[in-house]
Amino acid sequence: MNQALPDVRLRVPTDEDAFAWHRIFADPEVMEFHGGKAAELSVYEELTARQRRHDAELGFCLWTMVGPEGEVLGFTGAQPWPRAWGPRGEIEIGWRLGRAHWGKGYVTAAALTTLERVRAAGVSGVVAMVRPGNERSIAVTRRLGMESAEVFAHPTSAEPAHCYRLAL
């Protein structure tokens, strides 16, 4: 990127962040490549609790992104790939951002910080799983220097799941 990256802070998700994530991710545009709608609040409560465990045990997680005004923007971070299909045993970097904050460089800034943190935790490489057509996320993988590596059959979608890789 040629422009300066925005000010964004990453913090371990709090109990309250489950409510913020649920609200932010209720936008169908945000969820277009994630099932089309927000999950129930209980899913975000479990997700934020799991991320707190990941941070304590691994030194990284899906962190809450906090903007310059203290507002919750979404999440960015890394976690062990959580599914029985795909890049099992690998560390996935991921992000999800509220619609009002798209196009401002927040995800790229937070993902670069994530790469620094997972490298410091001893991780030797990360993957990102991106659905076809998700051009915003594909652009982030490019800005991070990731390369398209393989395609997995998605177990419930007719679309394949594209795996991008980056050695750290």
N, C-alpha and C. Protein backbone atom coordinates (compact mmCIF):
# COMPACT_ATOMS: atom_id res chain seq x y z
N MET A 1 0.84 -1.19 0.00
CA MET A 1 0.00 0.00 0.00
C MET A 1 0.88 1.24 0.00
N ASN A 2 0.45 2.23 -0.73
CA ASN A 2 1.21 3.47 -0.82
C ASN A 2 0.83 4.47 0.25
N GLN A 3 -0.35 4.34 0.81
CA GLN A 3 -0.79 5.31 1.80
C GLN A 3 -0.49 4.80 3.21
N ALA A 4 -0.48 5.71 4.16
CA ALA A 4 -0.24 5.34 5.55
C ALA A 4 -1.41 4.50 6.05
N LEU A 5 -1.09 3.51 6.86
CA LEU A 5 -2.13 2.65 7.42
C LEU A 5 -2.82 3.35 8.58
N PRO A 6 -4.10 3.09 8.78
CA PRO A 6 -4.84 3.75 9.85
C PRO A 6 -4.45 3.22 11.22
N ASP A 7 -4.83 3.98 12.22
CA ASP A 7 -4.62 3.60 13.61
C ASP A 7 -5.68 2.57 14.00
N VAL A 8 -5.23 1.37 14.31
CA VAL A 8 -6.15 0.33 14.76
C VAL A 8 -5.45 -0.45 15.87
N ARG A 9 -6.20 -0.80 16.89
CA ARG A 9 -5.65 -1.52 18.03
C ARG A 9 -6.31 -2.90 18.09
N LEU A 10 -5.53 -3.90 18.48
CA LEU A 10 -6.05 -5.25 18.63
C LEU A 10 -6.05 -5.60 20.11
N ARG A 11 -7.18 -6.14 20.60
CA ARG A 11 -7.24 -6.56 22.00
C ARG A 11 -7.90 -7.93 22.07
N VAL A 12 -7.59 -8.65 23.12
CA VAL A 12 -8.23 -9.94 23.36
C VAL A 12 -9.73 -9.66 23.55
N PRO A 13 -10.59 -10.43 22.87
CA PRO A 13 -12.03 -10.17 22.96
C PRO A 13 -12.56 -10.29 24.40
N THR A 14 -13.42 -9.36 24.75
CA THR A 14 -14.09 -9.36 26.06
C THR A 14 -15.47 -10.00 25.92
N ASP A 15 -16.11 -10.24 27.06
CA ASP A 15 -17.49 -10.72 27.03
C ASP A 15 -18.37 -9.74 26.25
N GLU A 16 -18.15 -8.43 26.45
CA GLU A 16 -18.96 -7.41 25.79
C GLU A 16 -18.75 -7.41 24.28
N ASP A 17 -17.57 -7.85 23.83
CA ASP A 17 -17.32 -7.88 22.40
C ASP A 17 -18.23 -8.86 21.67
N ALA A 18 -18.71 -9.88 22.35
CA ALA A 18 -19.66 -10.80 21.72
C ALA A 18 -20.89 -10.03 21.25
N PHE A 19 -21.37 -9.09 22.05
CA PHE A 19 -22.53 -8.28 21.68
C PHE A 19 -22.20 -7.37 20.50
N ALA A 20 -21.01 -6.76 20.54
CA ALA A 20 -20.60 -5.87 19.45
C ALA A 20 -20.46 -6.66 18.15
N TRP A 21 -19.81 -7.82 18.20
CA TRP A 21 -19.66 -8.64 16.99
C TRP A 21 -21.03 -9.04 16.45
N HIS A 22 -21.92 -9.45 17.33
CA HIS A 22 -23.27 -9.86 16.90
C HIS A 22 -23.97 -8.70 16.19
N ARG A 23 -23.86 -7.50 16.74
CA ARG A 23 -24.50 -6.32 16.14
C ARG A 23 -23.84 -5.98 14.79
N ILE A 24 -22.52 -5.90 14.76
CA ILE A 24 -21.80 -5.51 13.55
C ILE A 24 -22.02 -6.54 12.42
N PHE A 25 -22.03 -7.81 12.79
CA PHE A 25 -22.13 -8.86 11.78
C PHE A 25 -23.58 -9.21 11.43
N ALA A 26 -24.54 -8.43 11.91
CA ALA A 26 -25.93 -8.62 11.52
C ALA A 26 -26.21 -8.07 10.13
N ASP A 27 -25.25 -7.37 9.55
CA ASP A 27 -25.38 -6.76 8.23
C ASP A 27 -25.21 -7.85 7.16
N PRO A 28 -26.23 -8.06 6.30
CA PRO A 28 -26.11 -9.10 5.27
C PRO A 28 -24.93 -8.90 4.33
N GLU A 29 -24.54 -7.64 4.08
CA GLU A 29 -23.37 -7.40 3.22
C GLU A 29 -22.09 -7.90 3.88
N VAL A 30 -21.95 -7.68 5.17
CA VAL A 30 -20.78 -8.15 5.91
C VAL A 30 -20.73 -9.69 5.88
N MET A 31 -21.90 -10.30 5.95
CA MET A 31 -21.98 -11.76 6.05
C MET A 31 -22.15 -12.46 4.70
N GLU A 32 -22.03 -11.72 3.62
CA GLU A 32 -22.24 -12.29 2.28
C GLU A 32 -21.46 -13.58 2.06
N PHE A 33 -20.23 -13.64 2.52
CA PHE A 33 -19.39 -14.82 2.30
C PHE A 33 -19.27 -15.68 3.55
N HIS A 34 -20.16 -15.43 4.52
CA HIS A 34 -20.14 -16.16 5.79
C HIS A 34 -21.55 -16.64 6.15
N GLY A 35 -22.28 -17.13 5.17
CA GLY A 35 -23.61 -17.66 5.43
C GLY A 35 -24.74 -16.68 5.26
N GLY A 36 -24.45 -15.40 5.01
CA GLY A 36 -25.48 -14.44 4.68
C GLY A 36 -26.16 -13.74 5.84
N LYS A 37 -25.97 -14.23 7.06
CA LYS A 37 -26.60 -13.58 8.21
C LYS A 37 -25.77 -13.84 9.46
N ALA A 38 -25.98 -13.00 10.46
CA ALA A 38 -25.26 -13.16 11.72
C ALA A 38 -25.72 -14.43 12.41
N ALA A 39 -24.82 -15.02 13.14
CA ALA A 39 -25.17 -16.16 13.97
C ALA A 39 -25.91 -15.66 15.21
N GLU A 40 -26.43 -16.59 15.98
CA GLU A 40 -27.07 -16.23 17.25
C GLU A 40 -26.01 -15.65 18.19
N LEU A 41 -26.44 -14.84 19.12
CA LEU A 41 -25.53 -14.23 20.09
C LEU A 41 -24.69 -15.29 20.79
N SER A 42 -25.28 -16.43 21.12
CA SER A 42 -24.55 -17.48 21.84
C SER A 42 -23.33 -17.96 21.06
N VAL A 43 -23.39 -17.93 19.73
CA VAL A 43 -22.24 -18.33 18.91
C VAL A 43 -21.09 -17.35 19.12
N TYR A 44 -21.39 -16.06 19.16
CA TYR A 44 -20.35 -15.05 19.38
C TYR A 44 -19.84 -15.10 20.82
N GLU A 45 -20.72 -15.44 21.77
CA GLU A 45 -20.26 -15.60 23.16
C GLU A 45 -19.25 -16.75 23.25
N GLU A 46 -19.54 -17.86 22.59
CA GLU A 46 -18.62 -19.00 22.59
C GLU A 46 -17.35 -18.66 21.83
N LEU A 47 -17.48 -17.96 20.71
CA LEU A 47 -16.33 -17.60 19.89
C LEU A 47 -15.37 -16.68 20.66
N THR A 48 -15.90 -15.66 21.34
CA THR A 48 -15.02 -14.77 22.09
C THR A 48 -14.36 -15.51 23.26
N ALA A 49 -15.09 -16.41 23.91
CA ALA A 49 -14.50 -17.21 25.00
C ALA A 49 -13.38 -18.10 24.45
N ARG A 50 -13.60 -18.73 23.30
CA ARG A 50 -12.58 -19.58 22.68
C ARG A 50 -11.35 -18.76 22.32
N GLN A 51 -11.55 -17.52 21.85
CA GLN A 51 -10.42 -16.68 21.48
C GLN A 51 -9.60 -16.29 22.72
N ARG A 52 -10.26 -16.06 23.84
CA ARG A 52 -9.53 -15.78 25.08
C ARG A 52 -8.66 -16.98 25.46
N ARG A 53 -9.18 -18.20 25.28
CA ARG A 53 -8.39 -19.41 25.56
C ARG A 53 -7.20 -19.50 24.60
N HIS A 54 -7.46 -19.25 23.31
CA HIS A 54 -6.36 -19.28 22.33
C HIS A 54 -5.26 -18.31 22.71
N ASP A 55 -5.64 -17.09 23.08
CA ASP A 55 -4.63 -16.09 23.44
C ASP A 55 -3.81 -16.57 24.64
N ALA A 56 -4.48 -17.12 25.65
CA ALA A 56 -3.78 -17.59 26.85
C ALA A 56 -2.87 -18.77 26.54
N GLU A 57 -3.33 -19.67 25.68
CA GLU A 57 -2.58 -20.90 25.41
C GLU A 57 -1.57 -20.77 24.27
N LEU A 58 -1.88 -19.98 23.25
CA LEU A 58 -1.06 -19.91 22.04
C LEU A 58 -0.33 -18.58 21.88
N GLY A 59 -0.84 -17.54 22.52
CA GLY A 59 -0.25 -16.21 22.35
C GLY A 59 -0.86 -15.43 21.21
N PHE A 60 -1.91 -15.97 20.60
CA PHE A 60 -2.62 -15.26 19.53
C PHE A 60 -4.06 -15.76 19.48
N CYS A 61 -4.89 -14.98 18.79
CA CYS A 61 -6.30 -15.32 18.67
C CYS A 61 -6.92 -14.42 17.60
N LEU A 62 -8.23 -14.51 17.45
CA LEU A 62 -8.96 -13.52 16.65
C LEU A 62 -9.22 -12.35 17.60
N TRP A 63 -8.45 -11.29 17.43
CA TRP A 63 -8.55 -10.13 18.31
C TRP A 63 -9.66 -9.20 17.86
N THR A 64 -10.23 -8.50 18.83
CA THR A 64 -11.18 -7.44 18.51
C THR A 64 -10.39 -6.25 17.97
N MET A 65 -10.84 -5.73 16.83
CA MET A 65 -10.24 -4.53 16.24
C MET A 65 -10.93 -3.31 16.83
N VAL A 66 -10.14 -2.40 17.34
CA VAL A 66 -10.67 -1.19 17.95
C VAL A 66 -10.14 0.01 17.17
N GLY A 67 -11.03 0.85 16.72
CA GLY A 67 -10.67 2.01 15.92
C GLY A 67 -10.16 3.18 16.74
N PRO A 68 -9.78 4.25 16.07
CA PRO A 68 -9.17 5.40 16.75
C PRO A 68 -10.09 6.09 17.74
N GLU A 69 -11.40 5.93 17.58
CA GLU A 69 -12.35 6.55 18.52
C GLU A 69 -12.78 5.58 19.61
N GLY A 70 -12.14 4.40 19.67
CA GLY A 70 -12.49 3.40 20.68
C GLY A 70 -13.62 2.47 20.28
N GLU A 71 -14.08 2.61 19.04
CA GLU A 71 -15.20 1.79 18.58
C GLU A 71 -14.72 0.41 18.11
N VAL A 72 -15.57 -0.62 18.33
CA VAL A 72 -15.27 -1.96 17.84
C VAL A 72 -15.56 -1.99 16.34
N LEU A 73 -14.54 -2.39 15.57
CA LEU A 73 -14.65 -2.42 14.10
C LEU A 73 -14.98 -3.81 13.57
N GLY A 74 -14.60 -4.83 14.32
CA GLY A 74 -14.74 -6.22 13.89
C GLY A 74 -13.66 -7.05 14.54
N PHE A 75 -13.15 -8.06 13.83
CA PHE A 75 -12.02 -8.83 14.35
C PHE A 75 -11.00 -9.12 13.27
N THR A 76 -9.78 -9.32 13.70
CA THR A 76 -8.68 -9.76 12.85
C THR A 76 -7.73 -10.53 13.75
N GLY A 77 -7.19 -11.62 13.24
CA GLY A 77 -6.24 -12.37 14.04
C GLY A 77 -5.98 -13.72 13.42
N ALA A 78 -5.60 -14.65 14.27
CA ALA A 78 -5.26 -15.99 13.80
C ALA A 78 -5.71 -17.01 14.84
N GLN A 79 -6.01 -18.21 14.35
CA GLN A 79 -6.41 -19.31 15.22
C GLN A 79 -6.12 -20.62 14.49
N PRO A 80 -6.03 -21.71 15.23
CA PRO A 80 -5.91 -23.00 14.54
C PRO A 80 -7.15 -23.21 13.67
N TRP A 81 -6.96 -23.74 12.46
CA TRP A 81 -8.09 -24.01 11.56
C TRP A 81 -9.10 -24.87 12.32
N PRO A 82 -10.34 -24.41 12.46
CA PRO A 82 -11.29 -25.05 13.38
C PRO A 82 -12.17 -26.15 12.79
N ARG A 83 -11.98 -26.50 11.53
CA ARG A 83 -12.93 -27.44 10.92
C ARG A 83 -12.26 -28.77 10.58
N ALA A 84 -13.10 -29.77 10.32
CA ALA A 84 -12.61 -31.11 10.00
C ALA A 84 -12.15 -31.23 8.54
N TRP A 85 -12.46 -30.26 7.71
CA TRP A 85 -12.04 -30.26 6.31
C TRP A 85 -11.06 -29.09 6.12
N GLY A 86 -10.46 -29.00 4.96
CA GLY A 86 -9.57 -27.87 4.67
C GLY A 86 -8.17 -28.07 5.22
N PRO A 87 -7.49 -26.96 5.53
CA PRO A 87 -6.08 -27.03 5.94
C PRO A 87 -5.93 -27.44 7.42
N ARG A 88 -6.34 -28.65 7.74
CA ARG A 88 -6.30 -29.14 9.12
C ARG A 88 -4.88 -29.03 9.69
N GLY A 89 -4.81 -28.62 10.95
CA GLY A 89 -3.53 -28.52 11.64
C GLY A 89 -2.76 -27.24 11.36
N GLU A 90 -3.32 -26.36 10.55
CA GLU A 90 -2.62 -25.12 10.19
C GLU A 90 -3.22 -23.93 10.94
N ILE A 91 -2.48 -22.83 10.92
CA ILE A 91 -2.94 -21.60 11.56
C ILE A 91 -3.57 -20.71 10.49
N GLU A 92 -4.82 -20.36 10.73
CA GLU A 92 -5.58 -19.53 9.80
C GLU A 92 -5.56 -18.08 10.27
N ILE A 93 -5.26 -17.17 9.35
CA ILE A 93 -5.41 -15.74 9.61
C ILE A 93 -6.76 -15.34 9.01
N GLY A 94 -7.49 -14.50 9.73
CA GLY A 94 -8.80 -14.11 9.24
C GLY A 94 -9.21 -12.75 9.73
N TRP A 95 -10.29 -12.26 9.15
CA TRP A 95 -10.78 -10.92 9.46
C TRP A 95 -12.24 -10.83 9.10
N ARG A 96 -12.93 -9.97 9.79
CA ARG A 96 -14.31 -9.60 9.46
C ARG A 96 -14.52 -8.19 9.99
N LEU A 97 -15.01 -7.31 9.14
CA LEU A 97 -15.06 -5.89 9.45
C LEU A 97 -16.46 -5.35 9.22
N GLY A 98 -16.91 -4.49 10.12
CA GLY A 98 -18.19 -3.82 9.95
C GLY A 98 -18.22 -3.00 8.67
N ARG A 99 -19.34 -2.98 8.00
CA ARG A 99 -19.51 -2.33 6.70
C ARG A 99 -19.07 -0.86 6.71
N ALA A 100 -19.35 -0.15 7.79
CA ALA A 100 -19.03 1.28 7.86
C ALA A 100 -17.53 1.54 7.80
N HIS A 101 -16.72 0.51 7.98
CA HIS A 101 -15.27 0.68 8.05
C HIS A 101 -14.53 0.10 6.85
N TRP A 102 -15.26 -0.40 5.86
CA TRP A 102 -14.64 -0.98 4.67
C TRP A 102 -13.86 0.09 3.90
N GLY A 103 -12.80 -0.34 3.24
CA GLY A 103 -12.07 0.52 2.32
C GLY A 103 -11.16 1.54 2.97
N LYS A 104 -10.90 1.42 4.26
CA LYS A 104 -10.08 2.40 4.97
C LYS A 104 -8.73 1.86 5.40
N GLY A 105 -8.44 0.59 5.07
CA GLY A 105 -7.14 0.01 5.41
C GLY A 105 -7.07 -0.65 6.78
N TYR A 106 -8.16 -0.68 7.52
CA TYR A 106 -8.13 -1.26 8.87
C TYR A 106 -7.72 -2.73 8.86
N VAL A 107 -8.30 -3.52 7.97
CA VAL A 107 -7.98 -4.95 7.96
C VAL A 107 -6.52 -5.17 7.62
N THR A 108 -6.01 -4.47 6.62
CA THR A 108 -4.60 -4.65 6.25
C THR A 108 -3.69 -4.28 7.42
N ALA A 109 -3.95 -3.16 8.07
CA ALA A 109 -3.14 -2.74 9.22
C ALA A 109 -3.19 -3.78 10.32
N ALA A 110 -4.39 -4.25 10.64
CA ALA A 110 -4.54 -5.24 11.72
C ALA A 110 -3.94 -6.59 11.33
N ALA A 111 -4.07 -6.97 10.06
CA ALA A 111 -3.51 -8.25 9.61
C ALA A 111 -1.98 -8.21 9.64
N LEU A 112 -1.38 -7.07 9.30
CA LEU A 112 0.08 -6.95 9.39
C LEU A 112 0.55 -7.09 10.84
N THR A 113 -0.18 -6.49 11.76
CA THR A 113 0.12 -6.66 13.19
C THR A 113 -0.04 -8.11 13.60
N THR A 114 -1.08 -8.76 13.10
CA THR A 114 -1.31 -10.17 13.39
C THR A 114 -0.12 -11.01 12.93
N LEU A 115 0.37 -10.75 11.72
CA LEU A 115 1.51 -11.52 11.21
C LEU A 115 2.72 -11.35 12.12
N GLU A 116 2.97 -10.14 12.59
CA GLU A 116 4.08 -9.90 13.52
C GLU A 116 3.89 -10.71 14.80
N ARG A 117 2.68 -10.71 15.33
CA ARG A 117 2.41 -11.40 16.59
C ARG A 117 2.51 -12.92 16.46
N VAL A 118 1.98 -13.48 15.38
CA VAL A 118 2.05 -14.94 15.24
C VAL A 118 3.47 -15.39 14.95
N ARG A 119 4.22 -14.59 14.21
CA ARG A 119 5.63 -14.89 13.97
C ARG A 119 6.37 -14.90 15.31
N ALA A 120 6.11 -13.91 16.16
CA ALA A 120 6.75 -13.84 17.48
C ALA A 120 6.35 -15.02 18.37
N ALA A 121 5.17 -15.60 18.13
CA ALA A 121 4.70 -16.76 18.90
C ALA A 121 5.27 -18.07 18.35
N GLY A 122 6.09 -17.97 17.28
CA GLY A 122 6.73 -19.17 16.75
C GLY A 122 6.02 -19.85 15.61
N VAL A 123 5.00 -19.22 15.06
CA VAL A 123 4.27 -19.80 13.93
C VAL A 123 5.10 -19.59 12.66
N SER A 124 5.25 -20.65 11.86
CA SER A 124 6.12 -20.58 10.67
C SER A 124 5.36 -20.28 9.38
N GLY A 125 4.03 -20.29 9.44
CA GLY A 125 3.25 -19.99 8.25
C GLY A 125 1.78 -19.91 8.59
N VAL A 126 1.04 -19.18 7.76
CA VAL A 126 -0.41 -19.03 7.95
C VAL A 126 -1.13 -19.30 6.65
N VAL A 127 -2.40 -19.64 6.80
CA VAL A 127 -3.29 -19.80 5.65
C VAL A 127 -4.47 -18.84 5.82
N ALA A 128 -5.10 -18.50 4.71
CA ALA A 128 -6.35 -17.75 4.72
C ALA A 128 -7.29 -18.47 3.77
N MET A 129 -8.48 -18.76 4.24
CA MET A 129 -9.49 -19.40 3.40
C MET A 129 -10.45 -18.33 2.91
N VAL A 130 -10.59 -18.24 1.59
CA VAL A 130 -11.40 -17.17 0.99
C VAL A 130 -12.32 -17.78 -0.06
N ARG A 131 -13.58 -17.41 0.03
CA ARG A 131 -14.55 -17.89 -0.96
C ARG A 131 -14.38 -17.15 -2.28
N PRO A 132 -14.64 -17.84 -3.39
CA PRO A 132 -14.56 -17.18 -4.70
C PRO A 132 -15.48 -15.96 -4.72
N GLY A 133 -15.03 -14.91 -5.36
CA GLY A 133 -15.84 -13.70 -5.47
C GLY A 133 -15.64 -12.71 -4.34
N ASN A 134 -14.99 -13.12 -3.27
CA ASN A 134 -14.76 -12.21 -2.15
C ASN A 134 -13.52 -11.37 -2.45
N GLU A 135 -13.70 -10.44 -3.37
CA GLU A 135 -12.58 -9.65 -3.89
C GLU A 135 -11.90 -8.80 -2.82
N ARG A 136 -12.67 -8.31 -1.84
CA ARG A 136 -12.05 -7.51 -0.77
C ARG A 136 -11.05 -8.35 0.02
N SER A 137 -11.44 -9.57 0.37
CA SER A 137 -10.51 -10.43 1.13
C SER A 137 -9.35 -10.91 0.27
N ILE A 138 -9.62 -11.18 -0.99
CA ILE A 138 -8.54 -11.59 -1.89
C ILE A 138 -7.51 -10.45 -1.99
N ALA A 139 -7.98 -9.21 -2.04
CA ALA A 139 -7.07 -8.06 -2.10
C ALA A 139 -6.21 -7.98 -0.83
N VAL A 140 -6.80 -8.29 0.33
CA VAL A 140 -6.02 -8.27 1.56
C VAL A 140 -4.93 -9.34 1.50
N THR A 141 -5.28 -10.54 1.03
CA THR A 141 -4.25 -11.60 0.96
C THR A 141 -3.09 -11.14 0.08
N ARG A 142 -3.39 -10.45 -1.01
CA ARG A 142 -2.32 -9.94 -1.89
C ARG A 142 -1.46 -8.90 -1.17
N ARG A 143 -2.10 -7.98 -0.43
CA ARG A 143 -1.34 -6.96 0.28
C ARG A 143 -0.45 -7.57 1.35
N LEU A 144 -0.84 -8.73 1.87
CA LEU A 144 -0.03 -9.41 2.89
C LEU A 144 1.08 -10.25 2.26
N GLY A 145 1.05 -10.40 0.94
CA GLY A 145 2.06 -11.22 0.27
C GLY A 145 1.70 -12.69 0.19
N MET A 146 0.44 -13.03 0.46
CA MET A 146 0.00 -14.42 0.41
C MET A 146 -0.16 -14.85 -1.04
N GLU A 147 -0.03 -16.15 -1.27
CA GLU A 147 -0.20 -16.70 -2.61
C GLU A 147 -1.27 -17.77 -2.60
N SER A 148 -2.05 -17.81 -3.68
CA SER A 148 -3.06 -18.85 -3.84
C SER A 148 -2.34 -20.19 -3.90
N ALA A 149 -2.76 -21.14 -3.07
CA ALA A 149 -2.02 -22.40 -2.95
C ALA A 149 -2.83 -23.61 -3.38
N GLU A 150 -4.07 -23.70 -2.92
CA GLU A 150 -4.87 -24.89 -3.22
C GLU A 150 -6.34 -24.57 -3.07
N VAL A 151 -7.15 -25.50 -3.53
CA VAL A 151 -8.60 -25.35 -3.45
C VAL A 151 -9.15 -26.58 -2.75
N PHE A 152 -10.03 -26.35 -1.78
CA PHE A 152 -10.69 -27.43 -1.06
C PHE A 152 -12.15 -27.47 -1.43
N ALA A 153 -12.72 -28.65 -1.47
CA ALA A 153 -14.17 -28.79 -1.66
C ALA A 153 -14.84 -28.41 -0.35
N HIS A 154 -15.75 -27.46 -0.43
CA HIS A 154 -16.49 -27.04 0.77
C HIS A 154 -17.57 -28.09 1.03
N PRO A 155 -17.71 -28.56 2.27
CA PRO A 155 -18.65 -29.65 2.54
C PRO A 155 -20.13 -29.29 2.40
N THR A 156 -20.48 -27.99 2.52
CA THR A 156 -21.90 -27.64 2.46
C THR A 156 -22.23 -26.63 1.37
N SER A 157 -21.23 -26.09 0.71
CA SER A 157 -21.46 -25.10 -0.33
C SER A 157 -21.07 -25.69 -1.68
N ALA A 158 -21.73 -25.22 -2.71
CA ALA A 158 -21.37 -25.65 -4.05
C ALA A 158 -20.06 -24.99 -4.50
N GLU A 159 -19.67 -23.91 -3.82
CA GLU A 159 -18.45 -23.20 -4.18
C GLU A 159 -17.24 -23.84 -3.53
N PRO A 160 -16.11 -23.83 -4.23
CA PRO A 160 -14.87 -24.31 -3.61
C PRO A 160 -14.35 -23.29 -2.60
N ALA A 161 -13.46 -23.72 -1.74
CA ALA A 161 -12.83 -22.83 -0.77
C ALA A 161 -11.36 -22.68 -1.17
N HIS A 162 -10.95 -21.46 -1.41
CA HIS A 162 -9.59 -21.19 -1.87
C HIS A 162 -8.68 -20.92 -0.67
N CYS A 163 -7.53 -21.57 -0.68
CA CYS A 163 -6.56 -21.45 0.40
C CYS A 163 -5.37 -20.62 -0.08
N TYR A 164 -5.07 -19.57 0.64
CA TYR A 164 -3.91 -18.72 0.38
C TYR A 164 -2.89 -19.00 1.48
N ARG A 165 -1.62 -18.99 1.14
CA ARG A 165 -0.56 -19.31 2.11
C ARG A 165 0.49 -18.21 2.18
N LEU A 166 1.13 -18.13 3.36
CA LEU A 166 2.25 -17.24 3.54
C LEU A 166 3.20 -17.88 4.54
N ALA A 167 4.46 -18.06 4.13
CA ALA A 167 5.50 -18.50 5.07
C ALA A 167 5.97 -17.29 5.85
N LEU A 168 6.18 -17.49 7.14
CA LEU A 168 6.60 -16.36 7.99
C LEU A 168 8.08 -16.42 8.25
